[in-house]
Structure formats: C-alpha cells, structure tokens
C-alpha cells in the first residue's frame, strides 16, 4: 500500500451489516452471495455461501484462501471495482471500500461475492 492511503476499520464509518444490506440490493437479483472483509482481509459478514463454493472449499480450502488473498491484494492496488474469475471458474465481483475526505484516503476493506 502506498504512503498516501491509510488503513481504517469500516465500522468506524458504517456497520458491516449495513454495508452488506446495500450490496444485497445490487446483487441479490443476480443470485450472487456477498461478503465484507475488513481492512486486513478477514471475513466479517456474509449473506450465504453458494453450493458451488461450499463444494470447492470442502475439497481445496487452501486454493480458495490463496485466491481470496490475491483478490484482496489486487483491490488494494487497483482501488476500483473489478471482476475476477477464481481458479475454479466462478466469477467474483470485488469492490474496494475506500473513504476519502478532504485530505486523507482510507482503505476500509473489500466487498465481494
């Protein structure tokens, strides 16, 4: 992370559950699951896990976790939403959660599904 962006906790700005509710409004009609990860990449809240992801994770959790870390690092670098196809072929949306005020930029975490 470069020097002009500070990590801060999302809950200092908006509760995780409120952020998840907003995401669900955008993505539920697509049948997507959604999750919120904190500023360090730890899963904080999710709505559900798709049957496909449950199956894949049960067989190769280390690959799923490596893929999740990759998406997180990319979100830190790009600082804009993107789509990512995981190693198992699932298309994921990734949204860096960033707050900007007049002079500071804060990385709050990642939303995705």
N, C-alpha and C. Protein backbone atom coordinates (compact mmCIF):
# COMPACT_ATOMS: atom_id res chain seq x y z
N UNK A 1 0.86 -1.17 0.00
CA UNK A 1 0.00 0.00 0.00
C UNK A 1 0.90 1.22 0.00
N UNK A 2 0.57 2.21 -0.81
CA UNK A 2 1.42 3.38 -0.88
C UNK A 2 1.20 4.29 0.32
N UNK A 3 2.07 5.28 0.50
CA UNK A 3 2.06 6.12 1.67
C UNK A 3 0.89 7.06 1.81
N UNK A 4 0.11 7.30 0.77
CA UNK A 4 -0.98 8.27 0.89
C UNK A 4 -2.34 7.63 1.16
N UNK A 5 -2.36 6.35 1.53
CA UNK A 5 -3.62 5.71 1.86
C UNK A 5 -3.44 4.97 3.19
N UNK A 6 -4.29 5.29 4.15
CA UNK A 6 -4.22 4.69 5.48
C UNK A 6 -5.29 3.62 5.62
N UNK A 7 -4.97 2.54 6.34
CA UNK A 7 -5.97 1.52 6.65
C UNK A 7 -6.79 1.99 7.84
N UNK A 8 -8.10 1.85 7.74
CA UNK A 8 -9.00 2.14 8.86
C UNK A 8 -10.09 1.09 8.86
N UNK A 9 -10.76 0.94 9.98
CA UNK A 9 -11.80 -0.05 10.12
C UNK A 9 -13.11 0.49 9.57
N UNK A 10 -13.77 -0.31 8.72
CA UNK A 10 -15.05 0.08 8.11
C UNK A 10 -16.07 0.50 9.15
N UNK A 11 -16.12 -0.22 10.27
CA UNK A 11 -17.14 0.05 11.28
C UNK A 11 -17.00 1.42 11.92
N UNK A 12 -15.88 2.10 11.71
CA UNK A 12 -15.75 3.48 12.17
C UNK A 12 -16.64 4.41 11.34
N UNK A 13 -17.03 3.93 10.15
CA UNK A 13 -17.79 4.75 9.22
C UNK A 13 -19.22 4.24 9.01
N UNK A 14 -19.38 2.93 8.91
CA UNK A 14 -20.69 2.32 8.68
C UNK A 14 -20.63 0.87 9.16
N UNK A 15 -21.67 0.37 9.83
CA UNK A 15 -21.65 -1.02 10.30
C UNK A 15 -21.55 -2.02 9.14
N UNK A 16 -20.85 -3.13 9.38
CA UNK A 16 -20.71 -4.17 8.36
C UNK A 16 -22.08 -4.63 7.84
N UNK A 17 -23.02 -4.80 8.75
CA UNK A 17 -24.34 -5.30 8.34
C UNK A 17 -25.06 -4.31 7.42
N UNK A 18 -24.89 -3.03 7.64
CA UNK A 18 -25.50 -2.02 6.75
C UNK A 18 -24.86 -2.06 5.37
N UNK A 19 -23.55 -2.24 5.33
CA UNK A 19 -22.84 -2.33 4.05
C UNK A 19 -23.31 -3.58 3.30
N UNK A 20 -23.45 -4.70 4.01
CA UNK A 20 -23.93 -5.93 3.38
C UNK A 20 -25.34 -5.74 2.83
N UNK A 21 -26.20 -5.08 3.57
CA UNK A 21 -27.57 -4.83 3.11
C UNK A 21 -27.57 -4.01 1.81
N UNK A 22 -26.70 -3.02 1.72
CA UNK A 22 -26.60 -2.23 0.49
C UNK A 22 -26.14 -3.08 -0.68
N UNK A 23 -25.15 -3.93 -0.46
CA UNK A 23 -24.68 -4.83 -1.52
C UNK A 23 -25.77 -5.76 -1.99
N UNK A 24 -26.54 -6.29 -1.05
CA UNK A 24 -27.60 -7.22 -1.41
C UNK A 24 -28.62 -6.57 -2.34
N UNK A 25 -28.87 -5.29 -2.16
CA UNK A 25 -29.81 -4.59 -3.06
C UNK A 25 -29.32 -4.62 -4.50
N UNK A 26 -28.01 -4.53 -4.69
CA UNK A 26 -27.44 -4.52 -6.04
C UNK A 26 -27.32 -5.91 -6.63
N UNK A 27 -26.96 -6.91 -5.83
CA UNK A 27 -26.56 -8.20 -6.37
C UNK A 27 -27.52 -9.35 -6.13
N UNK A 28 -28.50 -9.22 -5.27
CA UNK A 28 -29.36 -10.36 -4.95
C UNK A 28 -30.15 -10.84 -6.16
N UNK A 29 -30.56 -9.92 -7.04
CA UNK A 29 -31.33 -10.33 -8.22
C UNK A 29 -30.50 -11.16 -9.20
N UNK A 30 -29.17 -11.14 -9.03
CA UNK A 30 -28.29 -11.95 -9.88
C UNK A 30 -28.00 -13.32 -9.27
N UNK A 31 -28.50 -13.54 -8.06
CA UNK A 31 -28.23 -14.79 -7.37
C UNK A 31 -26.84 -14.85 -6.76
N UNK A 32 -26.22 -13.68 -6.58
CA UNK A 32 -24.87 -13.62 -6.03
C UNK A 32 -24.90 -13.60 -4.51
N UNK A 33 -23.90 -14.21 -3.92
CA UNK A 33 -23.68 -14.04 -2.50
C UNK A 33 -22.78 -12.82 -2.32
N UNK A 34 -22.75 -12.29 -1.11
CA UNK A 34 -21.92 -11.12 -0.84
C UNK A 34 -21.26 -11.25 0.52
N UNK A 35 -20.07 -10.72 0.62
CA UNK A 35 -19.35 -10.73 1.88
C UNK A 35 -18.56 -9.45 2.04
N UNK A 36 -18.26 -9.12 3.30
CA UNK A 36 -17.47 -7.94 3.62
C UNK A 36 -16.22 -8.40 4.36
N UNK A 37 -15.08 -7.95 3.90
CA UNK A 37 -13.80 -8.25 4.52
C UNK A 37 -13.24 -6.97 5.12
N UNK A 38 -12.63 -7.07 6.30
CA UNK A 38 -12.11 -5.87 6.95
C UNK A 38 -10.83 -5.39 6.28
N UNK A 39 -10.23 -4.37 6.85
CA UNK A 39 -9.04 -3.74 6.27
C UNK A 39 -7.84 -4.67 6.21
N UNK A 40 -7.90 -5.79 6.94
CA UNK A 40 -6.81 -6.77 6.92
C UNK A 40 -7.15 -8.03 6.14
N UNK A 41 -8.32 -8.07 5.52
CA UNK A 41 -8.70 -9.21 4.70
C UNK A 41 -9.46 -10.30 5.43
N UNK A 42 -9.88 -10.05 6.66
CA UNK A 42 -10.63 -11.05 7.44
C UNK A 42 -12.12 -10.91 7.14
N UNK A 43 -12.78 -12.03 6.83
CA UNK A 43 -14.22 -12.02 6.55
C UNK A 43 -14.97 -11.58 7.80
N UNK A 44 -15.80 -10.56 7.67
CA UNK A 44 -16.55 -10.04 8.81
C UNK A 44 -18.02 -10.42 8.78
N UNK A 45 -18.64 -10.43 7.61
CA UNK A 45 -20.06 -10.75 7.50
C UNK A 45 -20.34 -11.21 6.07
N UNK A 46 -21.29 -12.16 5.90
CA UNK A 46 -21.69 -12.60 4.57
C UNK A 46 -23.15 -13.01 4.64
N UNK A 47 -23.79 -13.07 3.48
CA UNK A 47 -25.20 -13.46 3.47
C UNK A 47 -25.35 -14.97 3.33
N UNK A 48 -24.67 -15.60 2.41
CA UNK A 48 -24.67 -17.06 2.27
C UNK A 48 -23.51 -17.46 1.38
N UNK A 49 -23.20 -18.72 1.38
CA UNK A 49 -22.16 -19.25 0.51
C UNK A 49 -22.83 -20.15 -0.51
N UNK A 50 -22.52 -19.95 -1.77
CA UNK A 50 -23.16 -20.73 -2.82
C UNK A 50 -22.79 -22.21 -2.68
N UNK A 51 -23.67 -23.11 -3.11
CA UNK A 51 -23.37 -24.55 -3.05
C UNK A 51 -22.07 -24.89 -3.80
N UNK A 52 -21.85 -24.23 -4.93
CA UNK A 52 -20.62 -24.46 -5.70
C UNK A 52 -19.39 -24.14 -4.85
N UNK A 53 -19.41 -22.98 -4.19
CA UNK A 53 -18.26 -22.58 -3.36
C UNK A 53 -18.09 -23.51 -2.16
N UNK A 54 -19.19 -23.93 -1.56
CA UNK A 54 -19.08 -24.88 -0.44
C UNK A 54 -18.38 -26.16 -0.87
N UNK A 55 -18.76 -26.66 -2.03
CA UNK A 55 -18.17 -27.90 -2.54
C UNK A 55 -16.68 -27.72 -2.82
N UNK A 56 -16.33 -26.68 -3.54
CA UNK A 56 -14.93 -26.44 -3.88
C UNK A 56 -14.10 -26.22 -2.62
N UNK A 57 -14.62 -25.41 -1.69
CA UNK A 57 -13.88 -25.13 -0.45
C UNK A 57 -13.68 -26.41 0.37
N UNK A 58 -14.65 -27.29 0.36
CA UNK A 58 -14.51 -28.54 1.13
C UNK A 58 -13.39 -29.41 0.58
N UNK A 59 -13.06 -29.26 -0.69
CA UNK A 59 -12.03 -30.09 -1.32
C UNK A 59 -10.65 -29.44 -1.31
N UNK A 60 -10.60 -28.12 -1.54
CA UNK A 60 -9.30 -27.43 -1.63
C UNK A 60 -9.36 -26.05 -0.95
N UNK A 61 -9.55 -26.02 0.36
CA UNK A 61 -9.67 -24.74 1.05
C UNK A 61 -8.44 -23.84 0.87
N UNK A 62 -7.27 -24.46 0.78
CA UNK A 62 -6.05 -23.66 0.63
C UNK A 62 -6.03 -22.89 -0.69
N UNK A 63 -6.59 -23.47 -1.74
CA UNK A 63 -6.65 -22.77 -3.03
C UNK A 63 -7.65 -21.63 -2.97
N UNK A 64 -8.78 -21.85 -2.30
CA UNK A 64 -9.78 -20.78 -2.15
C UNK A 64 -9.20 -19.62 -1.35
N UNK A 65 -8.50 -19.93 -0.27
CA UNK A 65 -7.91 -18.88 0.56
C UNK A 65 -6.82 -18.12 -0.19
N UNK A 66 -6.01 -18.83 -0.96
CA UNK A 66 -4.97 -18.16 -1.76
C UNK A 66 -5.61 -17.23 -2.79
N UNK A 67 -6.70 -17.69 -3.40
CA UNK A 67 -7.40 -16.89 -4.39
C UNK A 67 -8.01 -15.64 -3.74
N UNK A 68 -8.58 -15.80 -2.54
CA UNK A 68 -9.15 -14.68 -1.81
C UNK A 68 -8.08 -13.63 -1.49
N UNK A 69 -6.90 -14.09 -1.05
CA UNK A 69 -5.80 -13.16 -0.75
C UNK A 69 -5.35 -12.42 -2.01
N UNK A 70 -5.33 -13.12 -3.13
CA UNK A 70 -4.98 -12.50 -4.41
C UNK A 70 -5.96 -11.38 -4.75
N UNK A 71 -7.26 -11.65 -4.61
CA UNK A 71 -8.27 -10.62 -4.90
C UNK A 71 -8.11 -9.42 -3.96
N UNK A 72 -7.81 -9.69 -2.71
CA UNK A 72 -7.65 -8.62 -1.73
C UNK A 72 -6.46 -7.72 -2.11
N UNK A 73 -5.32 -8.33 -2.44
CA UNK A 73 -4.14 -7.55 -2.85
C UNK A 73 -4.43 -6.73 -4.10
N UNK A 74 -5.15 -7.32 -5.04
CA UNK A 74 -5.49 -6.60 -6.27
C UNK A 74 -6.41 -5.42 -5.96
N UNK A 75 -7.35 -5.59 -5.03
CA UNK A 75 -8.25 -4.49 -4.64
C UNK A 75 -7.46 -3.35 -4.01
N UNK A 76 -6.47 -3.68 -3.18
CA UNK A 76 -5.62 -2.65 -2.59
C UNK A 76 -4.87 -1.87 -3.66
N UNK A 77 -4.39 -2.59 -4.66
CA UNK A 77 -3.60 -1.96 -5.71
C UNK A 77 -4.46 -1.13 -6.67
N UNK A 78 -5.56 -1.72 -7.16
CA UNK A 78 -6.38 -1.05 -8.18
C UNK A 78 -7.24 0.09 -7.63
N UNK A 79 -7.78 -0.12 -6.42
CA UNK A 79 -8.65 0.88 -5.78
C UNK A 79 -9.92 1.16 -6.58
N UNK A 80 -10.36 0.21 -7.38
CA UNK A 80 -11.62 0.37 -8.10
C UNK A 80 -12.25 -1.02 -8.27
N UNK A 81 -13.55 -1.08 -8.47
CA UNK A 81 -14.22 -2.39 -8.62
C UNK A 81 -13.70 -3.15 -9.85
N UNK A 82 -13.70 -4.47 -9.72
CA UNK A 82 -13.30 -5.31 -10.84
C UNK A 82 -13.96 -6.68 -10.70
N UNK A 83 -13.95 -7.42 -11.79
CA UNK A 83 -14.41 -8.81 -11.79
C UNK A 83 -13.20 -9.72 -11.80
N UNK A 84 -13.33 -10.85 -11.12
CA UNK A 84 -12.23 -11.80 -11.01
C UNK A 84 -12.79 -13.21 -11.18
N UNK A 85 -12.17 -13.98 -12.05
CA UNK A 85 -12.56 -15.38 -12.20
C UNK A 85 -11.60 -16.20 -11.35
N UNK A 86 -12.14 -16.91 -10.37
CA UNK A 86 -11.30 -17.69 -9.46
C UNK A 86 -10.77 -18.94 -10.16
N UNK A 87 -9.87 -19.64 -9.50
CA UNK A 87 -9.24 -20.83 -10.07
C UNK A 87 -10.27 -21.90 -10.43
N UNK A 88 -11.44 -21.91 -9.74
CA UNK A 88 -12.48 -22.91 -10.00
C UNK A 88 -13.47 -22.45 -11.07
N UNK A 89 -13.28 -21.25 -11.60
CA UNK A 89 -14.11 -20.76 -12.68
C UNK A 89 -15.25 -19.85 -12.28
N UNK A 90 -15.45 -19.60 -10.99
CA UNK A 90 -16.54 -18.73 -10.55
C UNK A 90 -16.15 -17.27 -10.76
N UNK A 91 -17.10 -16.49 -11.28
CA UNK A 91 -16.88 -15.07 -11.47
C UNK A 91 -17.24 -14.34 -10.18
N UNK A 92 -16.30 -13.55 -9.67
CA UNK A 92 -16.48 -12.80 -8.43
C UNK A 92 -16.48 -11.31 -8.71
N UNK A 93 -17.32 -10.57 -8.00
CA UNK A 93 -17.19 -9.13 -8.02
C UNK A 93 -16.37 -8.71 -6.81
N UNK A 94 -15.53 -7.70 -7.00
CA UNK A 94 -14.67 -7.21 -5.92
C UNK A 94 -14.78 -5.69 -5.91
N UNK A 95 -15.13 -5.16 -4.74
CA UNK A 95 -15.29 -3.71 -4.60
C UNK A 95 -14.43 -3.23 -3.44
N UNK A 96 -13.35 -2.50 -3.72
CA UNK A 96 -12.58 -1.92 -2.62
C UNK A 96 -13.44 -0.87 -1.90
N UNK A 97 -13.46 -0.94 -0.59
CA UNK A 97 -14.22 0.02 0.21
C UNK A 97 -13.25 1.09 0.69
N UNK A 98 -13.35 2.25 0.07
CA UNK A 98 -12.41 3.35 0.32
C UNK A 98 -13.19 4.60 0.67
N UNK A 99 -12.71 5.31 1.68
CA UNK A 99 -13.33 6.57 2.09
C UNK A 99 -12.31 7.68 1.89
N UNK A 100 -12.76 8.76 1.25
CA UNK A 100 -11.89 9.92 1.03
C UNK A 100 -12.51 11.13 1.69
N UNK A 101 -11.70 11.85 2.45
CA UNK A 101 -12.16 13.15 2.94
C UNK A 101 -11.31 14.21 2.24
N UNK A 102 -11.30 15.40 2.72
CA UNK A 102 -10.60 16.48 2.03
C UNK A 102 -9.10 16.24 1.82
N UNK A 103 -8.46 15.57 2.77
CA UNK A 103 -7.01 15.40 2.65
C UNK A 103 -6.51 13.98 2.86
N UNK A 104 -7.39 13.04 3.22
CA UNK A 104 -6.96 11.69 3.51
C UNK A 104 -7.74 10.67 2.70
N UNK A 105 -7.10 9.54 2.45
CA UNK A 105 -7.73 8.41 1.79
C UNK A 105 -7.57 7.22 2.72
N UNK A 106 -8.69 6.56 3.03
CA UNK A 106 -8.69 5.42 3.95
C UNK A 106 -9.17 4.16 3.23
N UNK A 107 -8.39 3.10 3.34
CA UNK A 107 -8.82 1.80 2.85
C UNK A 107 -9.54 1.10 3.99
N UNK A 108 -10.82 0.75 3.79
CA UNK A 108 -11.66 0.20 4.84
C UNK A 108 -11.88 -1.29 4.70
N UNK A 109 -11.61 -1.84 3.55
CA UNK A 109 -11.81 -3.27 3.34
C UNK A 109 -12.27 -3.56 1.92
N UNK A 110 -12.89 -4.73 1.76
CA UNK A 110 -13.31 -5.20 0.45
C UNK A 110 -14.69 -5.84 0.56
N UNK A 111 -15.53 -5.56 -0.41
CA UNK A 111 -16.80 -6.26 -0.56
C UNK A 111 -16.67 -7.17 -1.78
N UNK A 112 -17.31 -8.30 -1.75
CA UNK A 112 -17.22 -9.18 -2.89
C UNK A 112 -18.18 -10.34 -2.80
N UNK A 113 -18.24 -11.07 -3.87
CA UNK A 113 -19.12 -12.23 -3.89
C UNK A 113 -18.94 -13.02 -5.15
